[in-house]
Protein backbone atom coordinates (compact mmCIF):
# COMPACT_ATOMS: atom_id res chain seq x y z
CA MET A 1 62.85 59.97 92.94
CA SER A 2 63.92 63.08 94.22
CA VAL A 3 67.41 64.02 94.96
CA GLU A 4 68.51 65.40 97.98
CA ILE A 5 71.29 66.94 99.86
CA ALA A 6 73.01 65.61 103.05
CA GLU A 7 74.52 67.61 105.82
CA ASP A 8 78.14 66.69 104.82
CA GLY A 9 77.27 67.42 101.37
CA ALA A 10 77.04 63.69 100.01
CA VAL A 11 74.35 63.17 97.18
CA VAL A 12 71.28 61.40 98.32
CA ALA A 13 68.95 59.65 95.56
CA ALA A 14 66.23 57.82 96.91
CA GLY A 15 66.98 57.73 100.47
CA GLN A 16 69.85 56.42 99.62
CA PRO A 17 73.70 57.91 99.43
CA VAL A 18 75.07 58.17 95.89
CA ASP A 19 78.61 57.52 94.91
CA TYR A 20 80.70 58.11 91.92
CA ALA A 21 80.71 53.89 91.12
CA THR A 22 77.25 54.22 91.13
CA VAL A 23 76.69 57.07 89.58
CA TYR A 24 79.78 55.66 86.81
CA ASP A 25 77.38 52.10 86.71
CA TRP A 26 74.39 53.77 86.09
CA ALA A 27 75.56 55.81 82.92
CA VAL A 28 77.08 52.41 81.47
CA ASP A 29 74.49 50.13 82.25
CA ASN A 30 71.59 51.57 83.41
CA PRO A 31 70.95 54.93 82.00
CA GLU A 32 67.27 55.04 82.28
CA LYS A 33 67.89 55.84 85.69
CA ILE A 34 69.73 58.48 84.66
CA THR A 35 67.31 59.66 83.09
CA SER A 36 64.60 58.94 85.74
CA LEU A 37 66.81 61.63 88.14
CA VAL A 38 67.62 64.57 86.11
CA GLU A 39 66.55 66.93 83.04
CA ASP A 40 69.45 66.93 80.96
CA THR A 41 71.22 63.33 80.57
CA LYS A 42 74.18 64.64 78.68
CA ALA A 43 75.65 67.52 80.80
CA PHE A 44 75.46 64.30 83.58
CA VAL A 45 77.22 61.80 81.85
CA THR A 46 79.26 64.88 80.66
CA VAL A 47 80.96 65.58 84.05
CA ILE A 48 80.29 62.02 85.19
CA ALA A 49 82.96 60.46 82.20
CA GLU A 50 85.72 63.76 82.83
CA ALA A 51 86.47 62.72 86.37
CA GLU A 52 86.87 59.03 85.18
CA ALA A 53 90.73 59.42 85.76
CA ALA A 54 90.64 61.86 88.68
CA PRO A 55 91.51 61.20 92.28
CA VAL A 56 88.77 59.69 94.24
CA GLU A 57 87.75 63.05 96.15
CA GLN A 58 87.61 64.31 93.26
CA GLN A 59 84.58 61.41 91.84
CA GLN A 60 83.11 62.50 95.09
CA VAL A 61 82.47 65.81 94.32
CA ALA A 62 81.84 65.26 90.58
CA VAL A 63 78.52 63.58 91.79
CA ARG A 64 76.80 66.45 93.05
CA GLU A 65 78.84 68.24 89.91
CA ALA A 66 76.95 66.32 88.18
CA PHE A 67 73.55 66.05 89.57
CA ALA A 68 73.74 69.80 89.31
CA ALA A 69 74.07 69.38 85.88
CA GLY A 70 72.00 67.54 85.16
CA ARG A 71 69.28 69.20 87.21
CA PRO A 72 67.58 67.11 89.18
CA LYS A 73 63.65 66.58 88.39
CA ARG A 74 62.67 66.11 91.91
CA PRO A 75 64.85 68.22 93.56
CA GLY A 76 64.49 67.49 97.52
CA ALA A 77 64.01 70.69 99.89
CA SER A 78 67.80 70.35 100.44
CA TRP A 79 68.87 70.46 97.37
CA SER A 80 68.35 74.56 97.09
CA SER A 81 69.48 75.11 100.70
């Protein structure tokens, strides 16, 4: 499953936009999903956990930061641009 960055800066995995609520859910209930997407799951989850009490805007920024920290296993072409 590739990870892309949309023109608006949002993270897209497998063609679907990924928001904070989704990645938080993965961290709690579906860690296998995170493992399939990034190399460093601990770094990914740490960023998401640190943003838990943050305002919504910061949580959305944390999604991209979490993927960057976790290093996508299959970064799409837009990831490096």
